Amino acid sequence: MSTSRVVCQCHNVSEATICAQLTLMRGQQIVMAGHPHEQLNMLKNTLKCGTECGSCLPALRALIAASVTNSAKEAA
């Protein structure tokens, strides 16, 4: 069983959970890939990460940016 690093300590949200949620949102076209601010808001609403102390926000933004980059590569 592999473990994923915890990105949001306040709500115990792992990197794997965040990446899975980003993939789900992209697959359901809930948020357009070019709108990272909307993706961040959706992560806050669904997983609650980034809603307490805010120390995970840079990591969340980096994961969103990586997700957007991966989406662009897949579309090409």
N, C-alpha and C. Protein backbone atom coordinates (compact mmCIF):
# COMPACT_ATOMS: atom_id res chain seq x y z
N MET A 1 0.85 -1.18 0.00
CA MET A 1 0.00 0.00 0.00
C MET A 1 0.89 1.24 0.00
N SER A 2 0.73 2.07 -1.01
CA SER A 2 1.55 3.27 -1.07
C SER A 2 0.85 4.41 -0.33
N THR A 3 1.67 5.27 0.22
CA THR A 3 1.11 6.42 0.91
C THR A 3 1.49 7.67 0.16
N SER A 4 0.68 8.67 0.30
CA SER A 4 0.90 9.95 -0.36
C SER A 4 1.13 11.00 0.72
N ARG A 5 1.97 11.96 0.41
CA ARG A 5 2.26 12.99 1.42
C ARG A 5 0.99 13.78 1.71
N VAL A 6 0.88 14.21 2.95
CA VAL A 6 -0.25 15.04 3.36
C VAL A 6 0.08 16.48 2.98
N VAL A 7 -0.76 17.08 2.18
CA VAL A 7 -0.57 18.46 1.73
C VAL A 7 -1.22 19.42 2.71
N CYS A 8 -2.45 19.11 3.11
CA CYS A 8 -3.18 19.96 4.05
C CYS A 8 -3.21 19.25 5.41
N GLN A 9 -2.40 19.76 6.31
CA GLN A 9 -2.32 19.18 7.65
C GLN A 9 -3.61 19.42 8.44
N CYS A 10 -4.22 20.57 8.25
CA CYS A 10 -5.42 20.92 9.03
C CYS A 10 -6.57 19.94 8.79
N HIS A 11 -6.71 19.50 7.54
CA HIS A 11 -7.82 18.61 7.19
C HIS A 11 -7.35 17.23 6.74
N ASN A 12 -6.03 16.96 6.92
CA ASN A 12 -5.45 15.66 6.59
C ASN A 12 -5.78 15.23 5.15
N VAL A 13 -5.51 16.12 4.20
CA VAL A 13 -5.79 15.85 2.79
C VAL A 13 -4.48 15.54 2.09
N SER A 14 -4.43 14.38 1.45
CA SER A 14 -3.20 13.93 0.80
C SER A 14 -3.08 14.46 -0.63
N GLU A 15 -1.86 14.41 -1.12
CA GLU A 15 -1.60 14.80 -2.51
C GLU A 15 -2.40 13.92 -3.47
N ALA A 16 -2.47 12.63 -3.18
CA ALA A 16 -3.21 11.71 -4.04
C ALA A 16 -4.69 12.08 -4.10
N THR A 17 -5.26 12.46 -2.96
CA THR A 17 -6.68 12.85 -2.92
C THR A 17 -6.90 14.12 -3.74
N ILE A 18 -5.99 15.07 -3.61
CA ILE A 18 -6.11 16.32 -4.36
C ILE A 18 -5.99 16.06 -5.86
N CYS A 19 -5.01 15.27 -6.26
CA CYS A 19 -4.82 14.95 -7.67
C CYS A 19 -6.03 14.20 -8.24
N ALA A 20 -6.58 13.29 -7.45
CA ALA A 20 -7.77 12.56 -7.89
C ALA A 20 -8.95 13.50 -8.07
N GLN A 21 -9.10 14.46 -7.17
CA GLN A 21 -10.19 15.43 -7.28
C GLN A 21 -10.01 16.32 -8.51
N LEU A 22 -8.77 16.75 -8.78
CA LEU A 22 -8.50 17.56 -9.97
C LEU A 22 -8.81 16.77 -11.24
N THR A 23 -8.45 15.50 -11.26
CA THR A 23 -8.74 14.65 -12.41
C THR A 23 -10.24 14.48 -12.58
N LEU A 24 -10.94 14.28 -11.49
CA LEU A 24 -12.39 14.14 -11.53
C LEU A 24 -13.04 15.41 -12.07
N MET A 25 -12.61 16.56 -11.57
CA MET A 25 -13.17 17.83 -12.03
C MET A 25 -12.90 18.04 -13.51
N ARG A 26 -11.69 17.68 -13.95
CA ARG A 26 -11.35 17.83 -15.36
C ARG A 26 -12.20 16.87 -16.20
N GLY A 27 -12.36 15.64 -15.72
CA GLY A 27 -13.14 14.65 -16.45
C GLY A 27 -14.60 15.01 -16.57
N GLN A 28 -15.13 15.63 -15.54
CA GLN A 28 -16.53 16.04 -15.56
C GLN A 28 -16.70 17.45 -16.10
N GLN A 29 -15.59 18.05 -16.50
CA GLN A 29 -15.56 19.41 -17.03
C GLN A 29 -16.26 20.40 -16.11
N ILE A 30 -16.08 20.17 -14.79
CA ILE A 30 -16.67 21.07 -13.80
C ILE A 30 -15.97 22.41 -13.85
N VAL A 31 -14.66 22.38 -14.03
CA VAL A 31 -13.89 23.62 -14.08
C VAL A 31 -13.02 23.57 -15.31
N MET A 32 -12.93 24.67 -16.00
CA MET A 32 -12.07 24.73 -17.16
C MET A 32 -10.61 24.72 -16.71
N ALA A 33 -9.78 24.02 -17.46
CA ALA A 33 -8.37 23.86 -17.09
C ALA A 33 -7.63 25.19 -17.02
N GLY A 34 -8.07 26.19 -17.73
CA GLY A 34 -7.38 27.46 -17.76
C GLY A 34 -7.73 28.39 -16.62
N HIS A 35 -8.51 27.95 -15.67
CA HIS A 35 -8.95 28.80 -14.57
C HIS A 35 -8.51 28.22 -13.22
N PRO A 36 -7.23 28.38 -12.88
CA PRO A 36 -6.72 27.80 -11.63
C PRO A 36 -7.41 28.35 -10.39
N HIS A 37 -7.84 29.61 -10.43
CA HIS A 37 -8.53 30.18 -9.26
C HIS A 37 -9.82 29.41 -8.98
N GLU A 38 -10.55 29.07 -10.03
CA GLU A 38 -11.78 28.30 -9.87
C GLU A 38 -11.48 26.89 -9.37
N GLN A 39 -10.40 26.30 -9.85
CA GLN A 39 -10.04 24.97 -9.38
C GLN A 39 -9.68 25.01 -7.90
N LEU A 40 -8.97 26.05 -7.48
CA LEU A 40 -8.63 26.19 -6.06
C LEU A 40 -9.90 26.32 -5.22
N ASN A 41 -10.84 27.12 -5.69
CA ASN A 41 -12.10 27.26 -4.96
C ASN A 41 -12.86 25.95 -4.87
N MET A 42 -12.84 25.16 -5.95
CA MET A 42 -13.52 23.87 -5.92
C MET A 42 -12.85 22.91 -4.94
N LEU A 43 -11.51 22.93 -4.89
CA LEU A 43 -10.81 22.08 -3.92
C LEU A 43 -11.16 22.50 -2.50
N LYS A 44 -11.22 23.80 -2.27
CA LYS A 44 -11.60 24.29 -0.95
C LYS A 44 -13.01 23.83 -0.59
N ASN A 45 -13.92 23.91 -1.54
CA ASN A 45 -15.32 23.54 -1.27
C ASN A 45 -15.51 22.04 -1.08
N THR A 46 -14.79 21.24 -1.87
CA THR A 46 -15.02 19.80 -1.81
C THR A 46 -14.18 19.10 -0.76
N LEU A 47 -12.90 19.48 -0.65
CA LEU A 47 -11.99 18.79 0.27
C LEU A 47 -11.66 19.58 1.52
N LYS A 48 -12.01 20.85 1.52
CA LYS A 48 -11.74 21.78 2.64
C LYS A 48 -10.27 22.15 2.78
N CYS A 49 -9.41 21.64 1.90
CA CYS A 49 -8.00 22.01 1.99
C CYS A 49 -7.83 23.48 1.65
N GLY A 50 -6.93 24.13 2.35
CA GLY A 50 -6.67 25.55 2.13
C GLY A 50 -7.65 26.48 2.81
N THR A 51 -8.50 25.94 3.67
CA THR A 51 -9.53 26.78 4.30
C THR A 51 -9.22 27.15 5.74
N GLU A 52 -8.18 26.60 6.31
CA GLU A 52 -7.85 26.91 7.71
C GLU A 52 -6.64 27.83 7.76
N CYS A 53 -5.47 27.30 8.00
CA CYS A 53 -4.27 28.14 8.21
C CYS A 53 -3.71 28.71 6.92
N GLY A 54 -3.94 28.04 5.78
CA GLY A 54 -3.46 28.54 4.50
C GLY A 54 -2.04 28.13 4.14
N SER A 55 -1.36 27.39 5.00
CA SER A 55 0.02 27.02 4.69
C SER A 55 0.13 26.07 3.50
N CYS A 56 -0.94 25.40 3.14
CA CYS A 56 -0.91 24.47 2.02
C CYS A 56 -1.24 25.14 0.68
N LEU A 57 -1.63 26.40 0.69
CA LEU A 57 -2.03 27.06 -0.55
C LEU A 57 -0.95 27.04 -1.63
N PRO A 58 0.33 27.30 -1.31
CA PRO A 58 1.34 27.20 -2.38
C PRO A 58 1.41 25.80 -3.00
N ALA A 59 1.31 24.77 -2.19
CA ALA A 59 1.34 23.40 -2.71
C ALA A 59 0.10 23.11 -3.54
N LEU A 60 -1.05 23.61 -3.10
CA LEU A 60 -2.29 23.42 -3.88
C LEU A 60 -2.16 24.09 -5.24
N ARG A 61 -1.65 25.32 -5.24
CA ARG A 61 -1.47 26.04 -6.51
C ARG A 61 -0.51 25.30 -7.44
N ALA A 62 0.55 24.72 -6.86
CA ALA A 62 1.51 23.96 -7.67
C ALA A 62 0.87 22.70 -8.26
N LEU A 63 0.05 22.02 -7.48
CA LEU A 63 -0.64 20.82 -7.98
C LEU A 63 -1.63 21.19 -9.08
N ILE A 64 -2.32 22.31 -8.91
CA ILE A 64 -3.26 22.78 -9.94
C ILE A 64 -2.49 23.13 -11.21
N ALA A 65 -1.37 23.83 -11.07
CA ALA A 65 -0.56 24.19 -12.25
C ALA A 65 -0.07 22.94 -12.97
N ALA A 66 0.36 21.94 -12.22
CA ALA A 66 0.81 20.69 -12.83
C ALA A 66 -0.35 19.99 -13.54
N SER A 67 -1.53 20.05 -12.95
CA SER A 67 -2.71 19.44 -13.55
C SER A 67 -3.08 20.14 -14.86
N VAL A 68 -3.00 21.47 -14.86
CA VAL A 68 -3.30 22.24 -16.07
C VAL A 68 -2.29 21.90 -17.16
N THR A 69 -1.01 21.80 -16.79
CA THR A 69 0.04 21.45 -17.75
C THR A 69 -0.20 20.07 -18.33
N ASN A 70 -0.56 19.11 -17.47
CA ASN A 70 -0.84 17.75 -17.94
C ASN A 70 -2.05 17.72 -18.86
N SER A 71 -3.07 18.52 -18.56
CA SER A 71 -4.27 18.59 -19.40
C SER A 71 -3.92 19.12 -20.78
N ALA A 72 -3.07 20.15 -20.82
CA ALA A 72 -2.67 20.73 -22.09
C ALA A 72 -1.88 19.73 -22.92
N LYS A 73 -1.01 18.95 -22.27
CA LYS A 73 -0.22 17.94 -22.98
C LYS A 73 -1.13 16.85 -23.54
N GLU A 74 -2.14 16.45 -22.76
CA GLU A 74 -3.06 15.40 -23.20
C GLU A 74 -3.90 15.88 -24.38
N ALA A 75 -4.24 17.17 -24.40
CA ALA A 75 -5.07 17.72 -25.46
C ALA A 75 -4.29 17.86 -26.77
N ALA A 76 -2.97 17.97 -26.66
CA ALA A 76 -2.13 18.20 -27.86
C ALA A 76 -1.94 16.94 -28.67
